[in-house]
Amino acid sequence: LEKFSERKERELDKRERERERERERERERERERERERERERERERERERERERERERYKKGVVPSTIGTTIL
């Protein structure tokens, strides 16, 4: 009887450790998704700053995207 309960206990421990590892992997995936969302927000902010710089240059009468290009 004792051996049986010890074996059961080890199996439970093993399953519990496996669940804990799975939870840890899930937390890591969530952190990675959060980092990716943060990188995307940063890229969006950079694009917005670039659009703002373009608008400022345009207001000053300088349109850099057309300088040096030939209109065919």
PDB file of N, CA and C in Angstrom:
ATOM      1  N   LEU A   1       0.844  -1.206   0.000  1.00  0.00           N
ATOM      2  CA  LEU A   1       0.000   0.000   0.000  1.00  0.00           C
ATOM      3  C   LEU A   1       0.881   1.260   0.000  1.00  0.00           C
ATOM      4  N   GLU A   2       1.915   1.260   0.807  1.00  0.00           N
ATOM      5  CA  GLU A   2       2.811   2.418   0.877  1.00  0.00           C
ATOM      6  C   GLU A   2       3.469   2.684  -0.476  1.00  0.00           C
ATOM      7  N   LYS A   3       3.906   1.638  -1.133  1.00  0.00           N
ATOM      8  CA  LYS A   3       4.549   1.811  -2.429  1.00  0.00           C
ATOM      9  C   LYS A   3       3.588   2.433  -3.431  1.00  0.00           C
ATOM     10  N   PHE A   4       2.366   1.958  -3.402  1.00  0.00           N
ATOM     11  CA  PHE A   4       1.359   2.495  -4.317  1.00  0.00           C
ATOM     12  C   PHE A   4       1.180   3.997  -4.097  1.00  0.00           C
ATOM     13  N   SER A   5       1.033   4.425  -2.851  1.00  0.00           N
ATOM     14  CA  SER A   5       0.808   5.845  -2.585  1.00  0.00           C
ATOM     15  C   SER A   5       2.054   6.669  -2.927  1.00  0.00           C
ATOM     16  N   GLU A   6       3.233   6.113  -2.708  1.00  0.00           N
ATOM     17  CA  GLU A   6       4.453   6.833  -3.097  1.00  0.00           C
ATOM     18  C   GLU A   6       4.485   7.036  -4.606  1.00  0.00           C
ATOM     19  N   ARG A   7       4.133   5.978  -5.326  1.00  0.00           N
ATOM     20  CA  ARG A   7       4.123   6.080  -6.786  1.00  0.00           C
ATOM     21  C   ARG A   7       3.099   7.121  -7.232  1.00  0.00           C
ATOM     22  N   LYS A   8       1.914   7.068  -6.632  1.00  0.00           N
ATOM     23  CA  LYS A   8       0.881   8.060  -6.955  1.00  0.00           C
ATOM     24  C   LYS A   8       1.403   9.467  -6.679  1.00  0.00           C
ATOM     25  N   GLU A   9       2.047   9.619  -5.534  1.00  0.00           N
ATOM     26  CA  GLU A   9       2.587  10.924  -5.150  1.00  0.00           C
ATOM     27  C   GLU A   9       3.604  11.406  -6.193  1.00  0.00           C
ATOM     28  N   ARG A  10       4.495  10.525  -6.623  1.00  0.00           N
ATOM     29  CA  ARG A  10       5.487  10.914  -7.633  1.00  0.00           C
ATOM     30  C   ARG A  10       4.807  11.292  -8.940  1.00  0.00           C
ATOM     31  N   GLU A  11       3.791  10.528  -9.324  1.00  0.00           N
ATOM     32  CA  GLU A  11       3.074  10.855 -10.560  1.00  0.00           C
ATOM     33  C   GLU A  11       2.404  12.219 -10.447  1.00  0.00           C
ATOM     34  N   LEU A  12       1.812  12.486  -9.299  1.00  0.00           N
ATOM     35  CA  LEU A  12       1.186  13.794  -9.089  1.00  0.00           C
ATOM     36  C   LEU A  12       2.233  14.894  -9.161  1.00  0.00           C
ATOM     37  N   ASP A  13       3.355  14.686  -8.494  1.00  0.00           N
ATOM     38  CA  ASP A  13       4.436  15.677  -8.529  1.00  0.00           C
ATOM     39  C   ASP A  13       4.893  15.904  -9.964  1.00  0.00           C
ATOM     40  N   LYS A  14       5.037  14.815 -10.684  1.00  0.00           N
ATOM     41  CA  LYS A  14       5.489  14.916 -12.071  1.00  0.00           C
ATOM     42  C   LYS A  14       4.491  15.721 -12.900  1.00  0.00           C
ATOM     43  N   ARG A  15       3.205  15.405 -12.753  1.00  0.00           N
ATOM     44  CA  ARG A  15       2.190  16.163 -13.503  1.00  0.00           C
ATOM     45  C   ARG A  15       2.181  17.626 -13.076  1.00  0.00           C
ATOM     46  N   GLU A  16       2.336  17.855 -11.782  1.00  0.00           N
ATOM     47  CA  GLU A  16       2.344  19.237 -11.285  1.00  0.00           C
ATOM     48  C   GLU A  16       3.541  20.001 -11.861  1.00  0.00           C
ATOM     49  N   ARG A  17       4.703  19.366 -11.880  1.00  0.00           N
ATOM     50  CA  ARG A  17       5.875  20.039 -12.458  1.00  0.00           C
ATOM     51  C   ARG A  17       5.651  20.313 -13.938  1.00  0.00           C
ATOM     52  N   GLU A  18       5.044  19.350 -14.622  1.00  0.00           N
ATOM     53  CA  GLU A  18       4.772  19.548 -16.051  1.00  0.00           C
ATOM     54  C   GLU A  18       3.804  20.715 -16.250  1.00  0.00           C
ATOM     55  N   ARG A  19       2.760  20.787 -15.427  1.00  0.00           N
ATOM     56  CA  ARG A  19       1.828  21.922 -15.530  1.00  0.00           C
ATOM     57  C   ARG A  19       2.542  23.232 -15.233  1.00  0.00           C
ATOM     58  N   GLU A  20       3.423  23.211 -14.244  1.00  0.00           N
ATOM     59  CA  GLU A  20       4.166  24.430 -13.900  1.00  0.00           C
ATOM     60  C   GLU A  20       5.058  24.850 -15.076  1.00  0.00           C
ATOM     61  N   ARG A  21       5.731  23.884 -15.703  1.00  0.00           N
ATOM     62  CA  ARG A  21       6.556  24.218 -16.874  1.00  0.00           C
ATOM     63  C   ARG A  21       5.690  24.781 -17.984  1.00  0.00           C
ATOM     64  N   GLU A  22       4.520  24.202 -18.182  1.00  0.00           N
ATOM     65  CA  GLU A  22       3.614  24.701 -19.226  1.00  0.00           C
ATOM     66  C   GLU A  22       3.170  26.129 -18.907  1.00  0.00           C
ATOM     67  N   ARG A  23       2.841  26.385 -17.646  1.00  0.00           N
ATOM     68  CA  ARG A  23       2.465  27.760 -17.267  1.00  0.00           C
ATOM     69  C   ARG A  23       3.627  28.713 -17.501  1.00  0.00           C
ATOM     70  N   GLU A  24       4.833  28.272 -17.169  1.00  0.00           N
ATOM     71  CA  GLU A  24       6.006  29.128 -17.374  1.00  0.00           C
ATOM     72  C   GLU A  24       6.205  29.406 -18.871  1.00  0.00           C
ATOM     73  N   ARG A  25       6.036  28.375 -19.700  1.00  0.00           N
ATOM     74  CA  ARG A  25       6.156  28.590 -21.153  1.00  0.00           C
ATOM     75  C   ARG A  25       5.095  29.569 -21.627  1.00  0.00           C
ATOM     76  N   GLU A  26       3.890  29.438 -21.101  1.00  0.00           N
ATOM     77  CA  GLU A  26       2.810  30.349 -21.494  1.00  0.00           C
ATOM     78  C   GLU A  26       3.138  31.779 -21.072  1.00  0.00           C
ATOM     79  N   ARG A  27       3.656  31.936 -19.856  1.00  0.00           N
ATOM     80  CA  ARG A  27       4.048  33.286 -19.412  1.00  0.00           C
ATOM     81  C   ARG A  27       5.137  33.841 -20.320  1.00  0.00           C
ATOM     82  N   GLU A  28       6.092  33.010 -20.712  1.00  0.00           N
ATOM     83  CA  GLU A  28       7.166  33.469 -21.600  1.00  0.00           C
ATOM     84  C   GLU A  28       6.595  33.882 -22.960  1.00  0.00           C
ATOM     85  N   ARG A  29       5.659  33.087 -23.482  1.00  0.00           N
ATOM     86  CA  ARG A  29       5.033  33.464 -24.759  1.00  0.00           C
ATOM     87  C   ARG A  29       4.301  34.793 -24.614  1.00  0.00           C
ATOM     88  N   GLU A  30       3.629  34.979 -23.488  1.00  0.00           N
ATOM     89  CA  GLU A  30       2.903  36.238 -23.267  1.00  0.00           C
ATOM     90  C   GLU A  30       3.873  37.411 -23.197  1.00  0.00           C
ATOM     91  N   ARG A  31       4.995  37.215 -22.499  1.00  0.00           N
ATOM     92  CA  ARG A  31       5.994  38.297 -22.438  1.00  0.00           C
ATOM     93  C   ARG A  31       6.519  38.605 -23.836  1.00  0.00           C
ATOM     94  N   GLU A  32       6.740  37.567 -24.641  1.00  0.00           N
ATOM     95  CA  GLU A  32       7.235  37.788 -26.010  1.00  0.00           C
ATOM     96  C   GLU A  32       6.200  38.552 -26.833  1.00  0.00           C
ATOM     97  N   ARG A  33       4.916  38.181 -26.693  1.00  0.00           N
ATOM     98  CA  ARG A  33       3.875  38.920 -27.416  1.00  0.00           C
ATOM     99  C   ARG A  33       3.848  40.375 -26.966  1.00  0.00           C
ATOM    100  N   GLU A  34       4.012  40.604 -25.667  1.00  0.00           N
ATOM    101  CA  GLU A  34       4.006  41.987 -25.156  1.00  0.00           C
ATOM    102  C   GLU A  34       5.190  42.766 -25.725  1.00  0.00           C
ATOM    103  N   ARG A  35       6.365  42.128 -25.780  1.00  0.00           N
ATOM    104  CA  ARG A  35       7.531  42.816 -26.359  1.00  0.00           C
ATOM    105  C   ARG A  35       7.274  43.143 -27.820  1.00  0.00           C
ATOM    106  N   GLU A  36       6.651  42.214 -28.540  1.00  0.00           N
ATOM    107  CA  GLU A  36       6.355  42.458 -29.960  1.00  0.00           C
ATOM    108  C   GLU A  36       5.372  43.619 -30.108  1.00  0.00           C
ATOM    109  N   ARG A  37       4.336  43.648 -29.253  1.00  0.00           N
ATOM    110  CA  ARG A  37       3.391  44.775 -29.311  1.00  0.00           C
ATOM    111  C   ARG A  37       4.101  46.085 -29.016  1.00  0.00           C
ATOM    112  N   GLU A  38       5.023  46.077 -28.060  1.00  0.00           N
ATOM    113  CA  GLU A  38       5.765  47.300 -27.721  1.00  0.00           C
ATOM    114  C   GLU A  38       6.629  47.736 -28.910  1.00  0.00           C
ATOM    115  N   ARG A  39       7.290  46.775 -29.566  1.00  0.00           N
ATOM    116  CA  ARG A  39       8.098  47.131 -30.745  1.00  0.00           C
ATOM    117  C   ARG A  39       7.208  47.719 -31.827  1.00  0.00           C
ATOM    118  N   GLU A  40       6.026  47.144 -32.014  1.00  0.00           N
ATOM    119  CA  GLU A  40       5.104  47.656 -33.035  1.00  0.00           C
ATOM    120  C   GLU A  40       4.656  49.074 -32.686  1.00  0.00           C
ATOM    121  N   ARG A  41       4.344  49.313 -31.406  1.00  0.00           N
ATOM    122  CA  ARG A  41       3.963  50.678 -30.995  1.00  0.00           C
ATOM    123  C   ARG A  41       5.112  51.643 -31.246  1.00  0.00           C
ATOM    124  N   GLU A  42       6.339  51.216 -30.960  1.00  0.00           N
ATOM    125  CA  GLU A  42       7.499  52.087 -31.183  1.00  0.00           C
ATOM    126  C   GLU A  42       7.653  52.383 -32.676  1.00  0.00           C
ATOM    127  N   ARG A  43       7.483  51.359 -33.523  1.00  0.00           N
ATOM    128  CA  ARG A  43       7.575  51.595 -34.972  1.00  0.00           C
ATOM    129  C   ARG A  43       6.498  52.572 -35.413  1.00  0.00           C
ATOM    130  N   GLU A  44       5.299  52.430 -34.869  1.00  0.00           N
ATOM    131  CA  GLU A  44       4.204  53.339 -35.231  1.00  0.00           C
ATOM    132  C   GLU A  44       4.526  54.761 -34.793  1.00  0.00           C
ATOM    133  N   ARG A  45       5.064  54.916 -33.578  1.00  0.00           N
ATOM    134  CA  ARG A  45       5.451  56.268 -33.121  1.00  0.00           C
ATOM    135  C   ARG A  45       6.518  56.847 -34.044  1.00  0.00           C
ATOM    136  N   GLU A  46       7.472  56.021 -34.467  1.00  0.00           N
ATOM    137  CA  GLU A  46       8.526  56.506 -35.366  1.00  0.00           C
ATOM    138  C   GLU A  46       7.926  56.925 -36.707  1.00  0.00           C
ATOM    139  N   ARG A  47       6.988  56.129 -37.234  1.00  0.00           N
ATOM    140  CA  ARG A  47       6.340  56.517 -38.492  1.00  0.00           C
ATOM    141  C   ARG A  47       5.592  57.835 -38.322  1.00  0.00           C
ATOM    142  N   GLU A  48       4.932  58.000 -37.181  1.00  0.00           N
ATOM    143  CA  GLU A  48       4.198  59.245 -36.929  1.00  0.00           C
ATOM    144  C   GLU A  48       5.160  60.427 -36.856  1.00  0.00           C
ATOM    145  N   ARG A  49       6.297  60.243 -36.174  1.00  0.00           N
ATOM    146  CA  ARG A  49       7.290  61.332 -36.111  1.00  0.00           C
ATOM    147  C   ARG A  49       7.794  61.664 -37.507  1.00  0.00           C
ATOM    148  N   GLU A  50       8.009  60.641 -38.327  1.00  0.00           N
ATOM    149  CA  GLU A  50       8.482  60.883 -39.699  1.00  0.00           C
ATOM    150  C   GLU A  50       7.427  61.642 -40.500  1.00  0.00           C
ATOM    151  N   ARG A  51       6.156  61.264 -40.358  1.00  0.00           N
ATOM    152  CA  ARG A  51       5.095  62.001 -41.056  1.00  0.00           C
ATOM    153  C   ARG A  51       5.054  63.451 -40.581  1.00  0.00           C
ATOM    154  N   GLU A  52       5.240  63.654 -39.279  1.00  0.00           N
ATOM    155  CA  GLU A  52       5.241  65.017 -38.734  1.00  0.00           C
ATOM    156  C   GLU A  52       6.401  65.821 -39.328  1.00  0.00           C
ATOM    157  N   ARG A  53       7.583  65.204 -39.416  1.00  0.00           N
ATOM    158  CA  ARG A  53       8.727  65.911 -40.017  1.00  0.00           C
ATOM    159  C   ARG A  53       8.433  66.250 -41.468  1.00  0.00           C
ATOM    160  N   GLU A  54       7.805  65.324 -42.201  1.00  0.00           N
ATOM    161  CA  GLU A  54       7.445  65.597 -43.600  1.00  0.00           C
ATOM    162  C   GLU A  54       6.487  66.784 -43.679  1.00  0.00           C
ATOM    163  N   ARG A  55       5.492  66.808 -42.790  1.00  0.00           N
ATOM    164  CA  ARG A  55       4.544  67.933 -42.801  1.00  0.00           C
ATOM    165  C   ARG A  55       5.257  69.245 -42.509  1.00  0.00           C
ATOM    166  N   GLU A  56       6.172  69.228 -41.546  1.00  0.00           N
ATOM    167  CA  GLU A  56       6.913  70.453 -41.216  1.00  0.00           C
ATOM    168  C   GLU A  56       7.720  70.922 -42.424  1.00  0.00           C
ATOM    169  N   ARG A  57       8.421  70.001 -43.073  1.00  0.00           N
ATOM    170  CA  ARG A  57       9.223  70.384 -44.238  1.00  0.00           C
ATOM    171  C   ARG A  57       8.327  70.890 -45.355  1.00  0.00           C
ATOM    172  N   TYR A  58       7.178  70.252 -45.521  1.00  0.00           N
ATOM    173  CA  TYR A  58       6.253  70.666 -46.572  1.00  0.00           C
ATOM    174  C   TYR A  58       5.765  72.089 -46.320  1.00  0.00           C
ATOM    175  N   LYS A  59       5.449  72.375 -45.026  1.00  0.00           N
ATOM    176  CA  LYS A  59       4.986  73.726 -44.679  1.00  0.00           C
ATOM    177  C   LYS A  59       6.058  74.762 -44.995  1.00  0.00           C
ATOM    178  N   LYS A  60       7.326  74.373 -44.854  1.00  0.00           N
ATOM    179  CA  LYS A  60       8.422  75.300 -45.142  1.00  0.00           C
ATOM    180  C   LYS A  60       8.687  75.377 -46.641  1.00  0.00           C
ATOM    181  N   GLY A  61       7.980  74.609 -47.422  1.00  0.00           N
ATOM    182  CA  GLY A  61       8.151  74.649 -48.867  1.00  0.00           C
ATOM    183  C   GLY A  61       9.225  73.707 -49.370  1.00  0.00           C
ATOM    184  N   VAL A  62       9.732  72.861 -48.525  1.00  0.00           N
ATOM    185  CA  VAL A  62      10.746  71.889 -48.937  1.00  0.00           C
ATOM    186  C   VAL A  62      10.094  70.514 -48.899  1.00  0.00           C
ATOM    187  N   VAL A  63      10.066  69.871 -50.049  1.00  0.00           N
ATOM    188  CA  VAL A  63       9.486  68.529 -50.104  1.00  0.00           C
ATOM    189  C   VAL A  63      10.611  67.575 -50.478  1.00  0.00           C
ATOM    190  N   PRO A  64      11.297  67.019 -49.466  1.00  0.00           N
ATOM    191  CA  PRO A  64      12.491  66.206 -49.719  1.00  0.00           C
ATOM    192  C   PRO A  64      12.230  65.000 -50.604  1.00  0.00           C
ATOM    193  N   SER A  65      11.022  64.463 -50.553  1.00  0.00           N
ATOM    194  CA  SER A  65      10.780  63.256 -51.337  1.00  0.00           C
ATOM    195  C   SER A  65      10.818  63.557 -52.835  1.00  0.00           C
ATOM    196  N   THR A  66      10.706  64.827 -53.239  1.00  0.00           N
ATOM    197  CA  THR A  66      10.736  65.146 -54.672  1.00  0.00           C
ATOM    198  C   THR A  66      12.078  65.720 -55.101  1.00  0.00           C
ATOM    199  N   ILE A  67      12.945  66.051 -54.160  1.00  0.00           N
ATOM    200  CA  ILE A  67      14.251  66.606 -54.520  1.00  0.00           C
ATOM    201  C   ILE A  67      15.083  65.523 -55.191  1.00  0.00           C
ATOM    202  N   GLY A  68      15.631  65.852 -56.334  1.00  0.00           N
ATOM    203  CA  GLY A  68      16.502  64.912 -57.031  1.00  0.00           C
ATOM    204  C   GLY A  68      15.765  63.870 -57.833  1.00  0.00           C
ATOM    205  N   THR A  69      14.467  63.958 -57.896  1.00  0.00           N
ATOM    206  CA  THR A  69      13.732  62.996 -58.710  1.00  0.00           C
ATOM    207  C   THR A  69      13.288  63.687 -59.984  1.00  0.00           C
ATOM    208  N   THR A  70      13.195  62.917 -61.028  1.00  0.00           N
ATOM    209  CA  THR A  70      12.761  63.455 -62.314  1.00  0.00           C
ATOM    210  C   THR A  70      11.330  63.030 -62.549  1.00  0.00           C
ATOM    211  N   ILE A  71      10.507  63.988 -62.867  1.00  0.00           N
ATOM    212  CA  ILE A  71       9.117  63.667 -63.181  1.00  0.00           C
ATOM    213  C   ILE A  71       9.056  63.325 -64.659  1.00  0.00           C
ATOM    214  N   LEU A  72       8.632  62.132 -64.948  1.00  0.00           N
ATOM    215  CA  LEU A  72       8.588  61.682 -66.350  1.00  0.00           C
ATOM    216  C   LEU A  72       7.259  62.018 -66.983  1.00  0.00           C
TER     217      LEU A  72
END
